[in-house]
N, C-alpha and C. Protein backbone atom coordinates (compact mmCIF):
# COMPACT_ATOMS: atom_id res chain seq x y z
N MET A 1 -1.85 15.57 3.83
CA MET A 1 -1.44 14.76 2.69
C MET A 1 -0.28 13.88 3.11
N THR A 2 -0.36 12.63 2.78
CA THR A 2 0.71 11.67 3.05
C THR A 2 1.30 11.22 1.72
N THR A 3 2.61 11.07 1.69
CA THR A 3 3.28 10.52 0.50
C THR A 3 4.12 9.32 0.94
N TYR A 4 4.23 8.35 0.03
CA TYR A 4 5.09 7.19 0.26
C TYR A 4 5.61 6.70 -1.08
N LYS A 5 6.76 6.05 -1.03
CA LYS A 5 7.47 5.64 -2.25
C LYS A 5 6.73 4.54 -3.01
N ASN A 6 6.81 4.63 -4.32
CA ASN A 6 6.30 3.61 -5.23
C ASN A 6 7.51 2.81 -5.72
N PRO A 7 7.73 1.59 -5.23
CA PRO A 7 8.92 0.82 -5.61
C PRO A 7 8.88 0.32 -7.05
N TRP A 8 7.74 0.41 -7.70
CA TRP A 8 7.60 -0.07 -9.08
C TRP A 8 7.80 1.04 -10.11
N TYR A 9 8.05 2.24 -9.64
CA TYR A 9 8.21 3.41 -10.51
C TYR A 9 9.33 3.19 -11.53
N LYS A 10 9.01 3.52 -12.78
CA LYS A 10 9.99 3.49 -13.86
C LYS A 10 9.82 4.78 -14.65
N PRO A 11 10.79 5.69 -14.59
CA PRO A 11 10.62 7.01 -15.19
C PRO A 11 10.29 6.98 -16.68
N LEU A 12 10.71 5.98 -17.39
CA LEU A 12 10.44 5.93 -18.83
C LEU A 12 9.19 5.14 -19.18
N ASN A 13 8.49 4.63 -18.17
CA ASN A 13 7.28 3.85 -18.42
C ASN A 13 6.20 4.25 -17.41
N PRO A 14 5.37 5.25 -17.75
CA PRO A 14 4.39 5.78 -16.80
C PRO A 14 3.31 4.80 -16.36
N ILE A 15 3.20 3.67 -16.99
CA ILE A 15 2.20 2.67 -16.58
C ILE A 15 2.44 2.20 -15.14
N TYR A 16 3.66 2.34 -14.65
CA TYR A 16 4.01 1.90 -13.29
C TYR A 16 3.70 2.95 -12.23
N GLY A 17 3.12 4.07 -12.62
CA GLY A 17 2.69 5.09 -11.67
C GLY A 17 3.77 6.09 -11.33
N PRO A 18 3.43 7.00 -10.41
CA PRO A 18 4.36 8.07 -10.03
C PRO A 18 5.48 7.58 -9.12
N MET A 19 6.47 8.42 -8.94
CA MET A 19 7.59 8.09 -8.05
C MET A 19 7.11 7.93 -6.61
N GLU A 20 6.14 8.75 -6.23
CA GLU A 20 5.54 8.67 -4.90
C GLU A 20 4.03 8.73 -5.02
N TYR A 21 3.36 7.95 -4.20
CA TYR A 21 1.90 8.02 -4.12
C TYR A 21 1.53 9.10 -3.11
N GLU A 22 0.40 9.75 -3.35
CA GLU A 22 -0.11 10.76 -2.42
C GLU A 22 -1.55 10.40 -2.06
N THR A 23 -1.90 10.62 -0.80
CA THR A 23 -3.27 10.36 -0.36
C THR A 23 -3.62 11.24 0.82
N ASN A 24 -4.89 11.54 0.93
CA ASN A 24 -5.41 12.24 2.11
C ASN A 24 -6.05 11.26 3.07
N ALA A 25 -6.05 9.98 2.72
CA ALA A 25 -6.70 8.96 3.54
C ALA A 25 -5.96 8.78 4.86
N LYS A 26 -6.74 8.53 5.91
CA LYS A 26 -6.16 8.21 7.21
C LYS A 26 -5.82 6.72 7.21
N PRO A 27 -4.59 6.35 7.58
CA PRO A 27 -4.22 4.94 7.53
C PRO A 27 -4.80 4.13 8.68
N VAL A 28 -4.90 2.84 8.44
CA VAL A 28 -5.27 1.88 9.48
C VAL A 28 -4.01 1.08 9.77
N GLU A 29 -3.63 0.99 11.03
CA GLU A 29 -2.47 0.19 11.41
C GLU A 29 -2.88 -1.27 11.56
N TYR A 30 -2.03 -2.15 11.05
CA TYR A 30 -2.29 -3.58 11.18
C TYR A 30 -0.96 -4.32 11.06
N GLY A 31 -0.62 -5.10 12.04
CA GLY A 31 0.57 -5.95 12.00
C GLY A 31 1.87 -5.21 11.74
N GLY A 32 1.99 -3.97 12.18
CA GLY A 32 3.22 -3.22 11.97
C GLY A 32 3.28 -2.50 10.62
N PHE A 33 2.20 -2.54 9.86
CA PHE A 33 2.11 -1.88 8.57
C PHE A 33 0.98 -0.84 8.62
N LEU A 34 0.96 0.04 7.64
CA LEU A 34 -0.13 0.98 7.47
C LEU A 34 -0.89 0.62 6.21
N ILE A 35 -2.21 0.65 6.29
CA ILE A 35 -3.06 0.39 5.12
C ILE A 35 -3.73 1.71 4.76
N TYR A 36 -3.50 2.15 3.52
CA TYR A 36 -4.13 3.37 3.01
C TYR A 36 -5.13 3.00 1.93
N GLU A 37 -6.33 3.53 2.02
CA GLU A 37 -7.31 3.40 0.95
C GLU A 37 -7.05 4.57 0.00
N ARG A 38 -6.11 4.36 -0.91
CA ARG A 38 -5.65 5.46 -1.77
C ARG A 38 -6.69 5.85 -2.82
N ILE A 39 -7.35 4.88 -3.41
CA ILE A 39 -8.44 5.14 -4.35
C ILE A 39 -9.68 4.51 -3.74
N SER A 40 -10.64 5.33 -3.36
CA SER A 40 -11.81 4.90 -2.60
C SER A 40 -12.47 3.65 -3.18
N GLY A 41 -12.48 2.58 -2.35
CA GLY A 41 -13.13 1.34 -2.71
C GLY A 41 -12.42 0.52 -3.76
N ILE A 42 -11.27 0.99 -4.26
CA ILE A 42 -10.60 0.31 -5.37
C ILE A 42 -9.19 -0.15 -5.02
N CYS A 43 -8.40 0.73 -4.42
CA CYS A 43 -6.99 0.43 -4.22
C CYS A 43 -6.57 0.67 -2.77
N PHE A 44 -6.10 -0.38 -2.12
CA PHE A 44 -5.60 -0.31 -0.76
C PHE A 44 -4.11 -0.61 -0.79
N ASP A 45 -3.31 0.35 -0.34
CA ASP A 45 -1.86 0.21 -0.34
C ASP A 45 -1.38 -0.21 1.05
N VAL A 46 -0.48 -1.17 1.08
CA VAL A 46 0.16 -1.62 2.32
C VAL A 46 1.54 -0.96 2.35
N VAL A 47 1.81 -0.20 3.41
CA VAL A 47 3.02 0.62 3.49
C VAL A 47 3.82 0.26 4.73
N LYS A 48 5.14 0.15 4.55
CA LYS A 48 6.06 -0.11 5.65
C LYS A 48 7.26 0.83 5.48
N ASP A 49 7.57 1.57 6.52
CA ASP A 49 8.74 2.47 6.52
C ASP A 49 8.73 3.42 5.32
N GLY A 50 7.56 3.95 4.97
CA GLY A 50 7.46 4.95 3.91
C GLY A 50 7.48 4.44 2.49
N THR A 51 7.37 3.10 2.33
CA THR A 51 7.37 2.50 0.99
C THR A 51 6.19 1.56 0.85
N CYS A 52 5.50 1.65 -0.28
CA CYS A 52 4.40 0.72 -0.57
C CYS A 52 5.00 -0.66 -0.84
N VAL A 53 4.50 -1.68 -0.17
CA VAL A 53 5.03 -3.02 -0.37
C VAL A 53 4.09 -3.91 -1.19
N THR A 54 2.80 -3.56 -1.23
CA THR A 54 1.85 -4.28 -2.07
C THR A 54 0.57 -3.46 -2.17
N GLN A 55 -0.23 -3.79 -3.18
CA GLN A 55 -1.50 -3.11 -3.41
C GLN A 55 -2.58 -4.16 -3.60
N LEU A 56 -3.72 -3.94 -2.94
CA LEU A 56 -4.81 -4.90 -2.99
C LEU A 56 -6.11 -4.18 -3.31
N ALA A 57 -7.12 -4.97 -3.71
CA ALA A 57 -8.42 -4.41 -4.07
C ALA A 57 -9.35 -4.23 -2.88
N GLY A 58 -8.97 -4.71 -1.72
CA GLY A 58 -9.85 -4.56 -0.56
C GLY A 58 -9.09 -4.60 0.74
N PRO A 59 -9.70 -4.14 1.82
CA PRO A 59 -9.02 -4.13 3.12
C PRO A 59 -8.74 -5.52 3.66
N ASP A 60 -9.62 -6.48 3.40
CA ASP A 60 -9.36 -7.85 3.87
C ASP A 60 -8.15 -8.44 3.16
N GLY A 61 -8.02 -8.18 1.88
CA GLY A 61 -6.85 -8.64 1.13
C GLY A 61 -5.58 -8.01 1.66
N ALA A 62 -5.65 -6.74 2.03
CA ALA A 62 -4.49 -6.06 2.59
C ALA A 62 -4.07 -6.71 3.90
N ARG A 63 -5.04 -7.02 4.76
CA ARG A 63 -4.71 -7.67 6.03
C ARG A 63 -4.14 -9.08 5.81
N ARG A 64 -4.69 -9.82 4.86
CA ARG A 64 -4.15 -11.16 4.57
C ARG A 64 -2.71 -11.05 4.04
N ALA A 65 -2.45 -10.06 3.20
CA ALA A 65 -1.09 -9.87 2.68
C ALA A 65 -0.12 -9.55 3.81
N ILE A 66 -0.56 -8.73 4.76
CA ILE A 66 0.30 -8.40 5.91
C ILE A 66 0.54 -9.64 6.75
N ASP A 67 -0.49 -10.45 6.95
CA ASP A 67 -0.30 -11.69 7.71
C ASP A 67 0.76 -12.57 7.03
N LYS A 68 0.72 -12.66 5.71
CA LYS A 68 1.72 -13.45 4.97
C LYS A 68 3.10 -12.83 5.11
N LEU A 69 3.18 -11.51 4.99
CA LEU A 69 4.47 -10.84 5.15
C LEU A 69 5.06 -11.04 6.54
N ASN A 70 4.19 -11.16 7.52
CA ASN A 70 4.63 -11.37 8.90
C ASN A 70 4.83 -12.85 9.22
N GLY A 71 4.58 -13.73 8.26
CA GLY A 71 4.80 -15.15 8.46
C GLY A 71 3.68 -15.90 9.15
N ALA A 72 2.52 -15.25 9.30
CA ALA A 72 1.37 -15.91 9.95
C ALA A 72 0.65 -16.82 8.96
N THR A 73 0.04 -17.86 9.46
CA THR A 73 -0.78 -18.73 8.64
C THR A 73 -2.18 -18.73 9.18
N SER A 74 -3.14 -18.96 8.29
CA SER A 74 -4.53 -18.99 8.75
C SER A 74 -5.14 -20.34 8.52
């Protein structure tokens, strides 16, 4: 089980999710980040240094987001 911080967590507003996300998924490394498929086929989390930095609906979107975070252009 892997856990990582949810930076959007708000204790008085559960719509923003838990304080930490948990997953049994094996991460894929890309551009210095880890991509976790936290909810199968639905939610891909991009994680850096133990904190989720963005969430996408697919692995290609996660890779594009990492490219943007790293300053790459396509």
